[in-house]
Amino acid sequence: MPSKEVYNWLRTRFFPHMWCPGCGHGIVMHALIRAMVDLGLNKDETVLASGIGCSSRLPGYIDTCTIHTTHGRSLGFATGIKMAKPELTVIDVMGDGDCTAIGGNHFIHACRRNINITAIVMNNNIYGMTGGQASPTTPAGALATTAPYGAVDPTFDICRLAEGAGATFVARTTIANPKQAEKYIADAIKHKGFSVVEVISSCHTQFGRKNNRRTPISNIEYLKGASVTKEKAKGMSPEELFGKIVVGEFVNKVAPEYTEQYLEMSKKVRES
């Protein structure tokens, strides 16, 4: 892909970006832009929404229609945009805390509705921007500023949560496999219905320095070593899967889409 096409999607006036050097979120941004270019999306017909956090700064660097909303509420704003103009391509980028903590209710109900929005969850297992607090995905035993002796809470499996709530496309990858991230994001955008792509990212500044992964490279190497395909995982015991990251496409099914159902209902009401 010509680099000029990717460059044209950047708001270069806002660079250099605010992320720490080596932050995994930059890899996710590149994968998203490449997917949008490959799909031939129109800037004026594409909306990127986000809430609050390191991941939520991403839309500011992309030259399309963007909205930076309140913490955990971005899916509510994205839903309103999609309902008002169903023809738009709506993509919501979130962090693990933004999505599954304060934004958890919005997330499960967006899944339940099966509204045609793509949710990209950048999961770095920590609240990176606000001081390194534990999030709902911080691994048990991992250290954080609010878990100085190790996290005790069980972790959310974002993909299983999305599947159980009704999302019709669900996939997981890591920043160690940017081409797979690009593919899953593109497939999610093409899918009609609520799509969730969890990208396991890294925060060497807040998570890594407390958990023996102090550099960007050490995080990439860890993610490569910990990743297991869903096919391989089927033949592994729970003990063998402990600490592993199962990657792959978990859900891809057809179901009624929310805005189409709503418009059909409205049409029947007007004609009655």
C-alpha atoms as a PDB file:
ATOM      1  CA  MET A   1       0.000   0.000   0.000  1.00  0.00           C
ATOM      2  CA  PRO A   2       1.468   3.403  -0.913  1.00  0.00           C
ATOM      3  CA  SER A   3       2.511   5.243   2.223  1.00  0.00           C
ATOM      4  CA  LYS A   4       0.997   8.430   0.776  1.00  0.00           C
ATOM      5  CA  GLU A   5      -2.511   6.981   1.185  1.00  0.00           C
ATOM      6  CA  VAL A   6      -1.887   6.287   4.860  1.00  0.00           C
ATOM      7  CA  TYR A   7      -0.269   9.701   5.313  1.00  0.00           C
ATOM      8  CA  ASN A   8      -3.367  11.384   3.871  1.00  0.00           C
ATOM      9  CA  TRP A   9      -5.439   9.979   6.746  1.00  0.00           C
ATOM     10  CA  LEU A  10      -3.241  11.627   9.386  1.00  0.00           C
ATOM     11  CA  ARG A  11      -3.771  15.003  11.053  1.00  0.00           C
ATOM     12  CA  THR A  12      -0.086  15.801  10.981  1.00  0.00           C
ATOM     13  CA  ARG A  13      -0.600  19.158  12.709  1.00  0.00           C
ATOM     14  CA  PHE A  14      -1.219  17.246  15.954  1.00  0.00           C
ATOM     15  CA  PHE A  15       2.072  15.362  15.804  1.00  0.00           C
ATOM     16  CA  PRO A  16       4.208  14.408  17.627  1.00  0.00           C
ATOM     17  CA  HIS A  17       1.605  12.298  19.391  1.00  0.00           C
ATOM     18  CA  MET A  18       1.155  12.231  23.170  1.00  0.00           C
ATOM     19  CA  TRP A  19       1.778   8.500  23.606  1.00  0.00           C
ATOM     20  CA  CYS A  20       4.956   7.301  25.289  1.00  0.00           C
ATOM     21  CA  PRO A  21       7.647   6.257  22.768  1.00  0.00           C
ATOM     22  CA  GLY A  22       7.026   2.597  21.938  1.00  0.00           C
ATOM     23  CA  CYS A  23       3.402   2.569  23.107  1.00  0.00           C
ATOM     24  CA  GLY A  24       1.446  -0.256  21.511  1.00  0.00           C
ATOM     25  CA  HIS A  25      -1.455   2.044  20.664  1.00  0.00           C
ATOM     26  CA  GLY A  26       0.488   3.451  17.711  1.00  0.00           C
ATOM     27  CA  ILE A  27       0.539  -0.015  16.146  1.00  0.00           C
ATOM     28  CA  VAL A  28      -3.241  -0.221  16.528  1.00  0.00           C
ATOM     29  CA  MET A  29      -3.666   3.197  14.906  1.00  0.00           C
ATOM     30  CA  HIS A  30      -1.578   2.145  11.905  1.00  0.00           C
ATOM     31  CA  ALA A  31      -3.549  -1.099  11.551  1.00  0.00           C
ATOM     32  CA  LEU A  32      -6.817   0.851  11.655  1.00  0.00           C
ATOM     33  CA  ILE A  33      -5.679   3.370   9.038  1.00  0.00           C
ATOM     34  CA  ARG A  34      -4.425   0.621   6.719  1.00  0.00           C
ATOM     35  CA  ALA A  35      -7.743  -1.197   7.074  1.00  0.00           C
ATOM     36  CA  MET A  36      -9.708   1.965   6.263  1.00  0.00           C
ATOM     37  CA  VAL A  37      -7.535   2.664   3.222  1.00  0.00           C
ATOM     38  CA  ASP A  38      -7.835  -0.922   1.989  1.00  0.00           C
ATOM     39  CA  LEU A  39     -11.612  -0.752   2.327  1.00  0.00           C
ATOM     40  CA  GLY A  40     -11.731   2.519   0.386  1.00  0.00           C
ATOM     41  CA  LEU A  41     -13.655   4.333   3.112  1.00  0.00           C
ATOM     42  CA  ASN A  42     -14.714   7.922   2.542  1.00  0.00           C
ATOM     43  CA  LYS A  43     -13.390  10.334   5.174  1.00  0.00           C
ATOM     44  CA  ASP A  44     -16.612  12.334   5.131  1.00  0.00           C
ATOM     45  CA  GLU A  45     -18.707   9.213   5.745  1.00  0.00           C
ATOM     46  CA  THR A  46     -16.570   7.673   8.489  1.00  0.00           C
ATOM     47  CA  VAL A  47     -16.859   8.514  12.190  1.00  0.00           C
ATOM     48  CA  LEU A  48     -14.322   7.658  14.888  1.00  0.00           C
ATOM     49  CA  ALA A  49     -15.570   7.961  18.464  1.00  0.00           C
ATOM     50  CA  SER A  50     -13.669   7.606  21.724  1.00  0.00           C
ATOM     51  CA  GLY A  51     -13.980   8.250  25.426  1.00  0.00           C
ATOM     52  CA  ILE A  52     -11.176   9.119  27.839  1.00  0.00           C
ATOM     53  CA  GLY A  53      -7.748   7.534  28.203  1.00  0.00           C
ATOM     54  CA  CYS A  54      -4.550   6.946  26.251  1.00  0.00           C
ATOM     55  CA  SER A  55      -6.396   4.895  23.627  1.00  0.00           C
ATOM     56  CA  SER A  56      -9.068   7.557  23.303  1.00  0.00           C
ATOM     57  CA  ARG A  57      -6.608  10.102  21.944  1.00  0.00           C
ATOM     58  CA  LEU A  58      -6.333   8.038  18.754  1.00  0.00           C
ATOM     59  CA  PRO A  59      -9.166   9.700  16.753  1.00  0.00           C
ATOM     60  CA  GLY A  60      -7.496  13.092  17.135  1.00  0.00           C
ATOM     61  CA  TYR A  61      -4.638  11.913  14.926  1.00  0.00           C
ATOM     62  CA  ILE A  62      -6.857  10.597  12.107  1.00  0.00           C
ATOM     63  CA  ASP A  63      -8.303  12.921   9.486  1.00  0.00           C
ATOM     64  CA  THR A  64     -11.949  11.910   9.404  1.00  0.00           C
ATOM     65  CA  CYS A  65     -15.113  12.770  11.348  1.00  0.00           C
ATOM     66  CA  THR A  66     -14.173  12.356  15.017  1.00  0.00           C
ATOM     67  CA  ILE A  67     -15.745  12.806  18.419  1.00  0.00           C
ATOM     68  CA  HIS A  68     -13.896  12.709  21.754  1.00  0.00           C
ATOM     69  CA  THR A  69     -16.492  12.038  24.448  1.00  0.00           C
ATOM     70  CA  THR A  70     -16.715  11.385  28.183  1.00  0.00           C
ATOM     71  CA  HIS A  71     -15.193   8.461  30.063  1.00  0.00           C
ATOM     72  CA  GLY A  72     -16.947   5.198  29.273  1.00  0.00           C
ATOM     73  CA  ARG A  73     -19.749   6.846  27.309  1.00  0.00           C
ATOM     74  CA  SER A  74     -18.379   6.770  23.778  1.00  0.00           C
ATOM     75  CA  LEU A  75     -20.655   3.921  22.685  1.00  0.00           C
ATOM     76  CA  GLY A  76     -23.654   5.982  23.765  1.00  0.00           C
ATOM     77  CA  PHE A  77     -22.512   8.839  21.516  1.00  0.00           C
ATOM     78  CA  ALA A  78     -21.642   6.406  18.708  1.00  0.00           C
ATOM     79  CA  THR A  79     -25.086   4.832  18.985  1.00  0.00           C
ATOM     80  CA  GLY A  80     -26.745   8.228  18.643  1.00  0.00           C
ATOM     81  CA  ILE A  81     -24.681   9.008  15.536  1.00  0.00           C
ATOM     82  CA  LYS A  82     -25.502   5.650  13.970  1.00  0.00           C
ATOM     83  CA  MET A  83     -29.204   6.025  14.708  1.00  0.00           C
ATOM     84  CA  ALA A  84     -29.290   9.538  13.213  1.00  0.00           C
ATOM     85  CA  LYS A  85     -27.290   8.571  10.094  1.00  0.00           C
ATOM     86  CA  PRO A  86     -27.237   4.782   9.633  1.00  0.00           C
ATOM     87  CA  GLU A  87     -25.366   5.151   6.349  1.00  0.00           C
ATOM     88  CA  LEU A  88     -22.197   6.282   8.131  1.00  0.00           C
ATOM     89  CA  THR A  89     -19.375   3.904   9.034  1.00  0.00           C
ATOM     90  CA  VAL A  90     -19.023   4.261  12.810  1.00  0.00           C
ATOM     91  CA  ILE A  91     -15.950   2.990  14.654  1.00  0.00           C
ATOM     92  CA  ASP A  92     -15.418   3.326  18.408  1.00  0.00           C
ATOM     93  CA  VAL A  93     -11.952   2.970  19.951  1.00  0.00           C
ATOM     94  CA  MET A  94     -11.712   2.242  23.668  1.00  0.00           C
ATOM     95  CA  GLY A  95      -9.334   1.074  26.349  1.00  0.00           C
ATOM     96  CA  ASP A  96      -9.913  -1.857  28.679  1.00  0.00           C
ATOM     97  CA  GLY A  97     -10.940   0.378  31.579  1.00  0.00           C
ATOM     98  CA  ASP A  98     -12.945   2.768  29.423  1.00  0.00           C
ATOM     99  CA  CYS A  99     -14.837  -0.156  27.861  1.00  0.00           C
ATOM    100  CA  THR A 100     -15.328  -2.699  30.616  1.00  0.00           C
ATOM    101  CA  ALA A 101     -15.344  -0.626  33.835  1.00  0.00           C
ATOM    102  CA  ILE A 102     -17.258   2.664  33.699  1.00  0.00           C
ATOM    103  CA  GLY A 103     -18.395   1.853  30.147  1.00  0.00           C
ATOM    104  CA  GLY A 104     -19.362  -1.756  30.813  1.00  0.00           C
ATOM    105  CA  ASN A 105     -23.119  -1.222  30.663  1.00  0.00           C
ATOM    106  CA  HIS A 106     -22.891   0.649  27.355  1.00  0.00           C
ATOM    107  CA  PHE A 107     -20.703  -2.131  25.971  1.00  0.00           C
ATOM    108  CA  ILE A 108     -22.956  -5.071  26.832  1.00  0.00           C
ATOM    109  CA  HIS A 109     -26.076  -3.305  25.576  1.00  0.00           C
ATOM    110  CA  ALA A 110     -24.426  -2.304  22.292  1.00  0.00           C
ATOM    111  CA  CYS A 111     -23.577  -5.988  21.894  1.00  0.00           C
ATOM    112  CA  ARG A 112     -27.156  -6.931  22.792  1.00  0.00           C
ATOM    113  CA  ARG A 113     -28.668  -4.541  20.254  1.00  0.00           C
ATOM    114  CA  ASN A 114     -26.325  -5.696  17.485  1.00  0.00           C
ATOM    115  CA  ILE A 115     -26.052  -2.157  16.179  1.00  0.00           C
ATOM    116  CA  ASN A 116     -23.721  -1.775  13.185  1.00  0.00           C
ATOM    117  CA  ILE A 117     -20.738  -0.247  15.007  1.00  0.00           C
ATOM    118  CA  THR A 118     -17.166  -1.524  15.164  1.00  0.00           C
ATOM    119  CA  ALA A 119     -15.646  -1.471  18.655  1.00  0.00           C
ATOM    120  CA  ILE A 120     -11.854  -1.672  18.841  1.00  0.00           C
ATOM    121  CA  VAL A 121     -10.805  -2.383  22.415  1.00  0.00           C
ATOM    122  CA  MET A 122      -7.126  -1.610  23.034  1.00  0.00           C
ATOM    123  CA  ASN A 123      -6.413  -3.743  26.082  1.00  0.00           C
ATOM    124  CA  ASN A 124      -3.160  -2.950  27.892  1.00  0.00           C
ATOM    125  CA  ASN A 125      -4.364  -4.316  31.257  1.00  0.00           C
ATOM    126  CA  ILE A 126      -3.969  -1.016  33.096  1.00  0.00           C
ATOM    127  CA  TYR A 127      -5.227   2.557  33.447  1.00  0.00           C
ATOM    128  CA  GLY A 128      -2.227   4.067  31.711  1.00  0.00           C
ATOM    129  CA  MET A 129      -3.167   7.753  31.572  1.00  0.00           C
ATOM    130  CA  THR A 130      -4.368   8.272  35.127  1.00  0.00           C
ATOM    131  CA  GLY A 131      -1.586   6.664  37.150  1.00  0.00           C
ATOM    132  CA  GLY A 132      -1.428   2.918  36.569  1.00  0.00           C
ATOM    133  CA  GLN A 133      -4.471   1.718  38.499  1.00  0.00           C
ATOM    134  CA  ALA A 134      -5.652  -1.865  38.035  1.00  0.00           C
ATOM    135  CA  SER A 135      -8.373  -2.338  35.419  1.00  0.00           C
ATOM    136  CA  PRO A 136     -10.957  -5.111  34.946  1.00  0.00           C
ATOM    137  CA  THR A 137      -8.436  -6.931  32.726  1.00  0.00           C
ATOM    138  CA  THR A 138      -5.351  -6.650  34.936  1.00  0.00           C
ATOM    139  CA  PRO A 139      -4.096 -10.240  35.316  1.00  0.00           C
ATOM    140  CA  ALA A 140      -4.439 -11.801  38.737  1.00  0.00           C
ATOM    141  CA  GLY A 141      -1.224 -11.272  40.668  1.00  0.00           C
ATOM    142  CA  ALA A 142      -0.009  -8.397  38.482  1.00  0.00           C
ATOM    143  CA  LEU A 143       1.148  -5.244  40.221  1.00  0.00           C
ATOM    144  CA  ALA A 144      -0.517  -1.851  39.847  1.00  0.00           C
ATOM    145  CA  THR A 145      -0.659   1.354  41.853  1.00  0.00           C
ATOM    146  CA  THR A 146      -3.981   0.212  43.354  1.00  0.00           C
ATOM    147  CA  ALA A 147      -2.715  -3.367  43.706  1.00  0.00           C
ATOM    148  CA  PRO A 148       0.765  -2.978  45.222  1.00  0.00           C
ATOM    149  CA  TYR A 149       0.768  -6.603  46.411  1.00  0.00           C
ATOM    150  CA  GLY A 150      -0.814  -8.017  43.246  1.00  0.00           C
ATOM    151  CA  ALA A 151      -4.302  -7.888  41.752  1.00  0.00           C
ATOM    152  CA  VAL A 152      -6.819 -10.186  43.434  1.00  0.00           C
ATOM    153  CA  ASP A 153      -9.916  -9.575  41.303  1.00  0.00           C
ATOM    154  CA  PRO A 154     -10.695 -12.122  38.571  1.00  0.00           C
ATOM    155  CA  THR A 155     -10.267 -10.643  35.094  1.00  0.00           C
ATOM    156  CA  PHE A 156     -12.831 -10.023  32.392  1.00  0.00           C
ATOM    157  CA  ASP A 157     -12.440 -11.993  29.167  1.00  0.00           C
ATOM    158  CA  ILE A 158     -13.578  -9.221  26.818  1.00  0.00           C
ATOM    159  CA  CYS A 159     -14.244 -11.510  23.872  1.00  0.00           C
ATOM    160  CA  ARG A 160     -16.312 -13.996  25.865  1.00  0.00           C
ATOM    161  CA  LEU A 161     -18.193 -11.110  27.455  1.00  0.00           C
ATOM    162  CA  ALA A 162     -18.963  -9.683  23.988  1.00  0.00           C
ATOM    163  CA  GLU A 163     -20.044 -13.068  22.664  1.00  0.00           C
ATOM    164  CA  GLY A 164     -22.295 -13.708  25.645  1.00  0.00           C
ATOM    165  CA  ALA A 165     -23.888 -10.259  25.324  1.00  0.00           C
ATOM    166  CA  GLY A 166     -24.760 -10.798  21.640  1.00  0.00           C
ATOM    167  CA  ALA A 167     -22.028  -9.274  19.458  1.00  0.00           C
ATOM    168  CA  THR A 168     -22.096 -10.890  16.010  1.00  0.00           C
ATOM    169  CA  PHE A 169     -18.386 -10.466  15.192  1.00  0.00           C
ATOM    170  CA  VAL A 170     -15.732 -11.018  17.843  1.00  0.00           C
ATOM    171  CA  ALA A 171     -11.978 -11.412  17.376  1.00  0.00           C
ATOM    172  CA  ARG A 172      -8.773 -11.009  19.358  1.00  0.00           C
ATOM    173  CA  THR A 173      -5.195 -10.300  18.314  1.00  0.00           C
ATOM    174  CA  THR A 174      -2.149  -8.507  19.703  1.00  0.00           C
ATOM    175  CA  ILE A 175       0.127  -5.664  18.668  1.00  0.00           C
ATOM    176  CA  ALA A 176       2.800  -8.309  18.037  1.00  0.00           C
ATOM    177  CA  ASN A 177       0.819  -9.327  14.931  1.00  0.00           C
ATOM    178  CA  PRO A 178      -0.118  -6.027  13.220  1.00  0.00           C
ATOM    179  CA  LYS A 179      -1.162  -7.674   9.934  1.00  0.00           C
ATOM    180  CA  GLN A 180      -3.664  -9.846  11.778  1.00  0.00           C
ATOM    181  CA  ALA A 181      -4.907  -6.754  13.608  1.00  0.00           C
ATOM    182  CA  GLU A 182      -5.406  -5.007  10.283  1.00  0.00           C
ATOM    183  CA  LYS A 183      -7.322  -7.990   8.868  1.00  0.00           C
ATOM    184  CA  TYR A 184      -9.629  -8.353  11.861  1.00  0.00           C
ATOM    185  CA  ILE A 185     -10.366  -4.618  11.928  1.00  0.00           C
ATOM    186  CA  ALA A 186     -11.188  -4.645   8.204  1.00  0.00           C
ATOM    187  CA  ASP A 187     -13.406  -7.721   8.605  1.00  0.00           C
ATOM    188  CA  ALA A 188     -15.148  -6.091  11.564  1.00  0.00           C
ATOM    189  CA  ILE A 189     -15.873  -2.895   9.637  1.00  0.00           C
ATOM    190  CA  LYS A 190     -17.301  -4.912   6.725  1.00  0.00           C
ATOM    191  CA  HIS A 191     -19.497  -6.969   9.040  1.00  0.00           C
ATOM    192  CA  LYS A 192     -23.114  -5.863   9.449  1.00  0.00           C
ATOM    193  CA  GLY A 193     -23.788  -5.813  13.157  1.00  0.00           C
ATOM    194  CA  PHE A 194     -21.910  -5.047  16.352  1.00  0.00           C
ATOM    195  CA  SER A 195     -18.284  -6.037  15.919  1.00  0.00           C
ATOM    196  CA  VAL A 196     -15.643  -6.281  18.624  1.00  0.00           C
ATOM    197  CA  VAL A 197     -11.917  -6.500  17.969  1.00  0.00           C
ATOM    198  CA  GLU A 198      -9.838  -6.806  21.116  1.00  0.00           C
ATOM    199  CA  VAL A 199      -6.221  -5.869  20.469  1.00  0.00           C
ATOM    200  CA  ILE A 200      -3.914  -6.753  23.338  1.00  0.00           C
ATOM    201  CA  SER A 201      -1.659  -3.716  23.555  1.00  0.00           C
ATOM    202  CA  SER A 202       1.130  -2.760  25.957  1.00  0.00           C
ATOM    203  CA  CYS A 203       1.957  -0.046  28.450  1.00  0.00           C
ATOM    204  CA  HIS A 204       5.593  -0.369  29.444  1.00  0.00           C
ATOM    205  CA  THR A 205       5.388   2.920  31.366  1.00  0.00           C
ATOM    206  CA  GLN A 206       2.667   2.008  33.860  1.00  0.00           C
ATOM    207  CA  PHE A 207       2.205  -1.783  33.612  1.00  0.00           C
ATOM    208  CA  GLY A 208       5.566  -2.942  32.329  1.00  0.00           C
ATOM    209  CA  ARG A 209       7.847  -1.213  34.811  1.00  0.00           C
ATOM    210  CA  LYS A 210       6.016  -2.915  37.685  1.00  0.00           C
ATOM    211  CA  ASN A 211       5.766  -6.320  36.009  1.00  0.00           C
ATOM    212  CA  ASN A 212       9.187  -7.045  34.486  1.00  0.00           C
ATOM    213  CA  ARG A 213       8.319  -5.776  31.005  1.00  0.00           C
ATOM    214  CA  ARG A 214       9.993  -2.380  31.095  1.00  0.00           C
ATOM    215  CA  THR A 215      10.682  -1.872  27.357  1.00  0.00           C
ATOM    216  CA  PRO A 216       8.510  -1.881  24.233  1.00  0.00           C
ATOM    217  CA  ILE A 217      10.508  -4.813  22.824  1.00  0.00           C
ATOM    218  CA  SER A 218      10.112  -6.912  25.981  1.00  0.00           C
ATOM    219  CA  ASN A 219       6.346  -6.430  25.687  1.00  0.00           C
ATOM    220  CA  ILE A 220       6.300  -7.447  22.020  1.00  0.00           C
ATOM    221  CA  GLU A 221       8.384 -10.545  22.812  1.00  0.00           C
ATOM    222  CA  TYR A 222       6.075 -11.435  25.694  1.00  0.00           C
ATOM    223  CA  LEU A 223       2.964 -11.133  23.514  1.00  0.00           C
ATOM    224  CA  LYS A 224       4.519 -13.265  20.785  1.00  0.00           C
ATOM    225  CA  GLY A 225       5.418 -15.976  23.269  1.00  0.00           C
ATOM    226  CA  ALA A 226       2.080 -15.905  25.085  1.00  0.00           C
ATOM    227  CA  SER A 227      -0.163 -15.957  21.986  1.00  0.00           C
ATOM    228  CA  VAL A 228      -1.923 -19.212  21.113  1.00  0.00           C
ATOM    229  CA  THR A 229      -4.312 -19.668  18.191  1.00  0.00           C
ATOM    230  CA  LYS A 230      -7.839 -20.714  19.058  1.00  0.00           C
ATOM    231  CA  GLU A 231      -7.323 -23.918  17.063  1.00  0.00           C
ATOM    232  CA  LYS A 232      -4.281 -24.892  19.132  1.00  0.00           C
ATOM    233  CA  ALA A 233      -6.009 -23.849  22.346  1.00  0.00           C
ATOM    234  CA  LYS A 234      -8.747 -26.444  21.798  1.00  0.00           C
ATOM    235  CA  GLY A 235      -6.225 -29.203  22.460  1.00  0.00           C
ATOM    236  CA  MET A 236      -4.659 -27.591  25.535  1.00  0.00           C
ATOM    237  CA  SER A 237      -5.551 -28.150  29.169  1.00  0.00           C
ATOM    238  CA  PRO A 238      -6.566 -25.296  31.489  1.00  0.00           C
ATOM    239  CA  GLU A 239      -3.133 -25.570  33.121  1.00  0.00           C
ATOM    240  CA  GLU A 240      -1.399 -25.253  29.754  1.00  0.00           C
ATOM    241  CA  LEU A 241      -3.565 -22.242  28.852  1.00  0.00           C
ATOM    242  CA  PHE A 242      -2.845 -20.391  32.098  1.00  0.00           C
ATOM    243  CA  GLY A 243      -1.241 -17.061  31.217  1.00  0.00           C
ATOM    244  CA  LYS A 244      -1.726 -17.567  27.488  1.00  0.00           C
ATOM    245  CA  ILE A 245      -3.532 -15.200  25.114  1.00  0.00           C
ATOM    246  CA  VAL A 246      -5.911 -17.040  22.810  1.00  0.00           C
ATOM    247  CA  VAL A 247      -6.112 -15.200  19.490  1.00  0.00           C
ATOM    248  CA  GLY A 248      -8.428 -15.677  16.541  1.00  0.00           C
ATOM    249  CA  GLU A 249     -11.914 -15.006  15.229  1.00  0.00           C
ATOM    250  CA  PHE A 250     -14.437 -16.320  17.742  1.00  0.00           C
ATOM    251  CA  VAL A 251     -17.794 -15.145  16.362  1.00  0.00           C
ATOM    252  CA  ASN A 252     -18.940 -14.273  12.854  1.00  0.00           C
ATOM    253  CA  LYS A 253     -22.655 -14.723  12.383  1.00  0.00           C
ATOM    254  CA  VAL A 254     -25.648 -13.078  10.760  1.00  0.00           C
ATOM    255  CA  ALA A 255     -28.381 -11.562  12.923  1.00  0.00           C
ATOM    256  CA  PRO A 256     -30.887  -8.697  12.552  1.00  0.00           C
ATOM    257  CA  GLU A 257     -29.155  -5.309  12.731  1.00  0.00           C
ATOM    258  CA  TYR A 258     -30.593  -2.719  15.102  1.00  0.00           C
ATOM    259  CA  THR A 259     -30.897   0.403  12.944  1.00  0.00           C
ATOM    260  CA  GLU A 260     -32.587  -1.561  10.148  1.00  0.00           C
ATOM    261  CA  GLN A 261     -35.081  -3.036  12.609  1.00  0.00           C
ATOM    262  CA  TYR A 262     -35.751   0.383  14.099  1.00  0.00           C
ATOM    263  CA  LEU A 263     -36.326   1.992  10.709  1.00  0.00           C
ATOM    264  CA  GLU A 264     -38.649  -0.845   9.701  1.00  0.00           C
ATOM    265  CA  MET A 265     -40.632  -0.458  12.892  1.00  0.00           C
ATOM    266  CA  SER A 266     -40.865   3.323  12.365  1.00  0.00           C
ATOM    267  CA  LYS A 267     -42.096   2.784   8.810  1.00  0.00           C
ATOM    268  CA  LYS A 268     -44.852   0.451   9.998  1.00  0.00           C
ATOM    269  CA  VAL A 269     -45.921   2.932  12.672  1.00  0.00           C
ATOM    270  CA  ARG A 270     -46.141   5.770  10.119  1.00  0.00           C
ATOM    271  CA  GLU A 271     -48.167   3.628   7.725  1.00  0.00           C
ATOM    272  CA  SER A 272     -50.593   2.352  10.340  1.00  0.00           C
END
